Amino acid sequence: MKDLEELDKKTLWDITMKGTIYLTQLVLGVFLVCIGIGYIWISVYVKVKSWIRRS
């Protein structure tokens, strides 16, 4: 019975760790995508602004 409790704690810990790692990767991914989109928007905005100024 004691072994089973230890096993449960271990699997719960493993699941928690995997979930934490997964969430961290997800948050980092979303963060990087947002930075990428923001960077593209800024570069497009700068190009359009300079293009409007020239014409």
PDB file of N, CA and C in Angstrom:
ATOM      1  N   MET A   1       0.844  -1.204   0.000  1.00  0.00           N
ATOM      2  CA  MET A   1       0.000   0.000   0.000  1.00  0.00           C
ATOM      3  C   MET A   1       0.880   1.255   0.000  1.00  0.00           C
ATOM      4  N   LYS A   2       1.958   1.199   0.787  1.00  0.00           N
ATOM      5  CA  LYS A   2       2.857   2.349   0.871  1.00  0.00           C
ATOM      6  C   LYS A   2       3.520   2.623  -0.486  1.00  0.00           C
ATOM      7  N   ASP A   3       3.879   1.537  -1.181  1.00  0.00           N
ATOM      8  CA  ASP A   3       4.499   1.667  -2.503  1.00  0.00           C
ATOM      9  C   ASP A   3       3.557   2.371  -3.481  1.00  0.00           C
ATOM     10  N   LEU A   4       2.284   2.032  -3.403  1.00  0.00           N
ATOM     11  CA  LEU A   4       1.282   2.617  -4.294  1.00  0.00           C
ATOM     12  C   LEU A   4       1.175   4.126  -4.062  1.00  0.00           C
ATOM     13  N   GLU A   5       1.180   4.532  -2.786  1.00  0.00           N
ATOM     14  CA  GLU A   5       1.122   5.962  -2.460  1.00  0.00           C
ATOM     15  C   GLU A   5       2.327   6.701  -3.032  1.00  0.00           C
ATOM     16  N   GLU A   6       3.500   6.101  -2.877  1.00  0.00           N
ATOM     17  CA  GLU A   6       4.729   6.700  -3.410  1.00  0.00           C
ATOM     18  C   GLU A   6       4.631   6.841  -4.927  1.00  0.00           C
ATOM     19  N   LEU A   7       4.102   5.796  -5.570  1.00  0.00           N
ATOM     20  CA  LEU A   7       3.948   5.782  -7.021  1.00  0.00           C
ATOM     21  C   LEU A   7       2.996   6.897  -7.464  1.00  0.00           C
ATOM     22  N   ASP A   8       1.879   7.041  -6.734  1.00  0.00           N
ATOM     23  CA  ASP A   8       0.909   8.087  -7.052  1.00  0.00           C
ATOM     24  C   ASP A   8       1.548   9.466  -6.962  1.00  0.00           C
ATOM     25  N   LYS A   9       2.304   9.684  -5.897  1.00  0.00           N
ATOM     26  CA  LYS A   9       2.978  10.972  -5.714  1.00  0.00           C
ATOM     27  C   LYS A   9       3.936  11.239  -6.864  1.00  0.00           C
ATOM     28  N   LYS A  10       4.665  10.172  -7.265  1.00  0.00           N
ATOM     29  CA  LYS A  10       5.655  10.313  -8.335  1.00  0.00           C
ATOM     30  C   LYS A  10       4.972  10.647  -9.668  1.00  0.00           C
ATOM     31  N   THR A  11       3.894   9.906  -9.998  1.00  0.00           N
ATOM     32  CA  THR A  11       3.213  10.162 -11.269  1.00  0.00           C
ATOM     33  C   THR A  11       2.584  11.548 -11.261  1.00  0.00           C
ATOM     34  N   LEU A  12       2.016  11.932 -10.130  1.00  0.00           N
ATOM     35  CA  LEU A  12       1.422  13.266 -10.006  1.00  0.00           C
ATOM     36  C   LEU A  12       2.491  14.330 -10.216  1.00  0.00           C
ATOM     37  N   TRP A  13       3.657  14.124  -9.628  1.00  0.00           N
ATOM     38  CA  TRP A  13       4.787  15.049  -9.772  1.00  0.00           C
ATOM     39  C   TRP A  13       5.226  15.111 -11.232  1.00  0.00           C
ATOM     40  N   ASP A  14       5.328  13.933 -11.884  1.00  0.00           N
ATOM     41  CA  ASP A  14       5.716  13.873 -13.300  1.00  0.00           C
ATOM     42  C   ASP A  14       4.726  14.644 -14.169  1.00  0.00           C
ATOM     43  N   ILE A  15       3.438  14.422 -13.921  1.00  0.00           N
ATOM     44  CA  ILE A  15       2.395  15.111 -14.687  1.00  0.00           C
ATOM     45  C   ILE A  15       2.486  16.620 -14.461  1.00  0.00           C
ATOM     46  N   THR A  16       2.685  17.017 -13.205  1.00  0.00           N
ATOM     47  CA  THR A  16       2.801  18.441 -12.873  1.00  0.00           C
ATOM     48  C   THR A  16       3.994  19.063 -13.587  1.00  0.00           C
ATOM     49  N   MET A  17       5.134  18.369 -13.556  1.00  0.00           N
ATOM     50  CA  MET A  17       6.344  18.873 -14.213  1.00  0.00           C
ATOM     51  C   MET A  17       6.139  19.001 -15.719  1.00  0.00           C
ATOM     52  N   LYS A  18       5.553  17.954 -16.326  1.00  0.00           N
ATOM     53  CA  LYS A  18       5.296  17.981 -17.769  1.00  0.00           C
ATOM     54  C   LYS A  18       4.347  19.116 -18.112  1.00  0.00           C
ATOM     55  N   GLY A  19       3.317  19.291 -17.304  1.00  0.00           N
ATOM     56  CA  GLY A  19       2.358  20.368 -17.523  1.00  0.00           C
ATOM     57  C   GLY A  19       3.013  21.731 -17.419  1.00  0.00           C
ATOM     58  N   THR A  20       3.876  21.894 -16.423  1.00  0.00           N
ATOM     59  CA  THR A  20       4.585  23.163 -16.230  1.00  0.00           C
ATOM     60  C   THR A  20       5.484  23.462 -17.418  1.00  0.00           C
ATOM     61  N   ILE A  21       6.231  22.452 -17.867  1.00  0.00           N
ATOM     62  CA  ILE A  21       7.128  22.623 -19.018  1.00  0.00           C
ATOM     63  C   ILE A  21       6.309  22.978 -20.254  1.00  0.00           C
ATOM     64  N   TYR A  22       5.186  22.261 -20.461  1.00  0.00           N
ATOM     65  CA  TYR A  22       4.321  22.501 -21.614  1.00  0.00           C
ATOM     66  C   TYR A  22       3.780  23.926 -21.594  1.00  0.00           C
ATOM     67  N   LEU A  23       3.293  24.363 -20.430  1.00  0.00           N
ATOM     68  CA  LEU A  23       2.754  25.716 -20.288  1.00  0.00           C
ATOM     69  C   LEU A  23       3.822  26.764 -20.551  1.00  0.00           C
ATOM     70  N   THR A  24       5.027  26.528 -20.021  1.00  0.00           N
ATOM     71  CA  THR A  24       6.137  27.460 -20.229  1.00  0.00           C
ATOM     72  C   THR A  24       6.446  27.591 -21.710  1.00  0.00           C
ATOM     73  N   GLN A  25       6.512  26.454 -22.417  1.00  0.00           N
ATOM     74  CA  GLN A  25       6.778  26.465 -23.857  1.00  0.00           C
ATOM     75  C   GLN A  25       5.672  27.199 -24.597  1.00  0.00           C
ATOM     76  N   LEU A  26       4.428  26.957 -24.186  1.00  0.00           N
ATOM     77  CA  LEU A  26       3.280  27.598 -24.823  1.00  0.00           C
ATOM     78  C   LEU A  26       3.359  29.108 -24.665  1.00  0.00           C
ATOM     79  N   VAL A  27       3.605  29.573 -23.432  1.00  0.00           N
ATOM     80  CA  VAL A  27       3.697  31.006 -23.151  1.00  0.00           C
ATOM     81  C   VAL A  27       4.841  31.632 -23.943  1.00  0.00           C
ATOM     82  N   LEU A  28       5.998  30.957 -23.955  1.00  0.00           N
ATOM     83  CA  LEU A  28       7.153  31.458 -24.707  1.00  0.00           C
ATOM     84  C   LEU A  28       6.836  31.535 -26.193  1.00  0.00           C
ATOM     85  N   GLY A  29       6.156  30.517 -26.710  1.00  0.00           N
ATOM     86  CA  GLY A  29       5.776  30.495 -28.121  1.00  0.00           C
ATOM     87  C   GLY A  29       4.879  31.662 -28.473  1.00  0.00           C
ATOM     88  N   VAL A  30       3.841  31.869 -27.673  1.00  0.00           N
ATOM     89  CA  VAL A  30       2.909  32.979 -27.899  1.00  0.00           C
ATOM     90  C   VAL A  30       3.651  34.310 -27.825  1.00  0.00           C
ATOM     91  N   PHE A  31       4.527  34.444 -26.830  1.00  0.00           N
ATOM     92  CA  PHE A  31       5.321  35.660 -26.634  1.00  0.00           C
ATOM     93  C   PHE A  31       6.182  35.947 -27.862  1.00  0.00           C
ATOM     94  N   LEU A  32       6.858  34.913 -28.365  1.00  0.00           N
ATOM     95  CA  LEU A  32       7.720  35.075 -29.543  1.00  0.00           C
ATOM     96  C   LEU A  32       6.903  35.431 -30.779  1.00  0.00           C
ATOM     97  N   VAL A  33       5.734  34.803 -30.938  1.00  0.00           N
ATOM     98  CA  VAL A  33       4.854  35.110 -32.073  1.00  0.00           C
ATOM     99  C   VAL A  33       4.418  36.568 -32.006  1.00  0.00           C
ATOM    100  N   CYS A  34       4.044  37.033 -30.808  1.00  0.00           N
ATOM    101  CA  CYS A  34       3.635  38.434 -30.623  1.00  0.00           C
ATOM    102  C   CYS A  34       4.775  39.382 -30.977  1.00  0.00           C
ATOM    103  N   ILE A  35       5.989  39.066 -30.545  1.00  0.00           N
ATOM    104  CA  ILE A  35       7.151  39.896 -30.867  1.00  0.00           C
ATOM    105  C   ILE A  35       7.359  39.919 -32.379  1.00  0.00           C
ATOM    106  N   GLY A  36       7.246  38.753 -33.017  1.00  0.00           N
ATOM    107  CA  GLY A  36       7.415  38.654 -34.466  1.00  0.00           C
ATOM    108  C   GLY A  36       6.403  39.503 -35.209  1.00  0.00           C
ATOM    109  N   ILE A  37       5.124  39.396 -34.821  1.00  0.00           N
ATOM    110  CA  ILE A  37       4.060  40.182 -35.453  1.00  0.00           C
ATOM    111  C   ILE A  37       4.304  41.667 -35.231  1.00  0.00           C
ATOM    112  N   GLY A  38       4.653  42.032 -34.010  1.00  0.00           N
ATOM    113  CA  GLY A  38       4.948  43.431 -33.695  1.00  0.00           C
ATOM    114  C   GLY A  38       6.094  43.966 -34.526  1.00  0.00           C
ATOM    115  N   TYR A  39       7.139  43.163 -34.680  1.00  0.00           N
ATOM    116  CA  TYR A  39       8.311  43.561 -35.471  1.00  0.00           C
ATOM    117  C   TYR A  39       7.924  43.779 -36.931  1.00  0.00           C
ATOM    118  N   ILE A  40       7.118  42.856 -37.483  1.00  0.00           N
ATOM    119  CA  ILE A  40       6.659  42.974 -38.874  1.00  0.00           C
ATOM    120  C   ILE A  40       5.822  44.240 -39.039  1.00  0.00           C
ATOM    121  N   TRP A  41       4.882  44.476 -38.112  1.00  0.00           N
ATOM    122  CA  TRP A  41       4.030  45.661 -38.181  1.00  0.00           C
ATOM    123  C   TRP A  41       4.863  46.937 -38.168  1.00  0.00           C
ATOM    124  N   ILE A  42       5.856  47.004 -37.272  1.00  0.00           N
ATOM    125  CA  ILE A  42       6.695  48.203 -37.155  1.00  0.00           C
ATOM    126  C   ILE A  42       7.491  48.420 -38.438  1.00  0.00           C
ATOM    127  N   SER A  43       8.084  47.351 -38.982  1.00  0.00           N
ATOM    128  CA  SER A  43       8.883  47.498 -40.204  1.00  0.00           C
ATOM    129  C   SER A  43       8.005  47.922 -41.380  1.00  0.00           C
ATOM    130  N   VAL A  44       6.800  47.360 -41.481  1.00  0.00           N
ATOM    131  CA  VAL A  44       5.861  47.750 -42.546  1.00  0.00           C
ATOM    132  C   VAL A  44       5.465  49.210 -42.370  1.00  0.00           C
ATOM    133  N   TYR A  45       5.162  49.604 -41.144  1.00  0.00           N
ATOM    134  CA  TYR A  45       4.769  50.979 -40.839  1.00  0.00           C
ATOM    135  C   TYR A  45       5.871  51.964 -41.231  1.00  0.00           C
ATOM    136  N   VAL A  46       7.106  51.635 -40.882  1.00  0.00           N
ATOM    137  CA  VAL A  46       8.247  52.505 -41.205  1.00  0.00           C
ATOM    138  C   VAL A  46       8.418  52.619 -42.718  1.00  0.00           C
ATOM    139  N   LYS A  47       8.306  51.491 -43.437  1.00  0.00           N
ATOM    140  CA  LYS A  47       8.439  51.504 -44.897  1.00  0.00           C
ATOM    141  C   LYS A  47       7.350  52.354 -45.535  1.00  0.00           C
ATOM    142  N   VAL A  48       6.114  52.160 -45.092  1.00  0.00           N
ATOM    143  CA  VAL A  48       4.978  52.909 -45.646  1.00  0.00           C
ATOM    144  C   VAL A  48       5.151  54.395 -45.369  1.00  0.00           C
ATOM    145  N   LYS A  49       5.581  54.728 -44.160  1.00  0.00           N
ATOM    146  CA  LYS A  49       5.772  56.124 -43.773  1.00  0.00           C
ATOM    147  C   LYS A  49       6.828  56.795 -44.659  1.00  0.00           C
ATOM    148  N   SER A  50       7.957  56.123 -44.854  1.00  0.00           N
ATOM    149  CA  SER A  50       9.018  56.697 -45.686  1.00  0.00           C
ATOM    150  C   SER A  50       8.566  56.770 -47.149  1.00  0.00           C
ATOM    151  N   TRP A  51       7.773  55.807 -47.597  1.00  0.00           N
ATOM    152  CA  TRP A  51       7.267  55.784 -48.971  1.00  0.00           C
ATOM    153  C   TRP A  51       6.302  56.948 -49.196  1.00  0.00           C
ATOM    154  N   ILE A  52       5.443  57.201 -48.201  1.00  0.00           N
ATOM    155  CA  ILE A  52       4.488  58.317 -48.298  1.00  0.00           C
ATOM    156  C   ILE A  52       5.250  59.637 -48.322  1.00  0.00           C
ATOM    157  N   ARG A  53       6.292  59.740 -47.521  1.00  0.00           N
ATOM    158  CA  ARG A  53       7.080  60.963 -47.449  1.00  0.00           C
ATOM    159  C   ARG A  53       7.752  61.264 -48.793  1.00  0.00           C
ATOM    160  N   ARG A  54       8.223  60.212 -49.479  1.00  0.00           N
ATOM    161  CA  ARG A  54       8.917  60.379 -50.752  1.00  0.00           C
ATOM    162  C   ARG A  54       7.977  60.851 -51.856  1.00  0.00           C
ATOM    163  N   SER A  55       6.766  60.287 -51.914  1.00  0.00           N
ATOM    164  CA  SER A  55       5.847  60.609 -53.007  1.00  0.00           C
ATOM    165  C   SER A  55       5.118  61.931 -52.812  1.00  0.00           C
TER     166      SER A  55
END
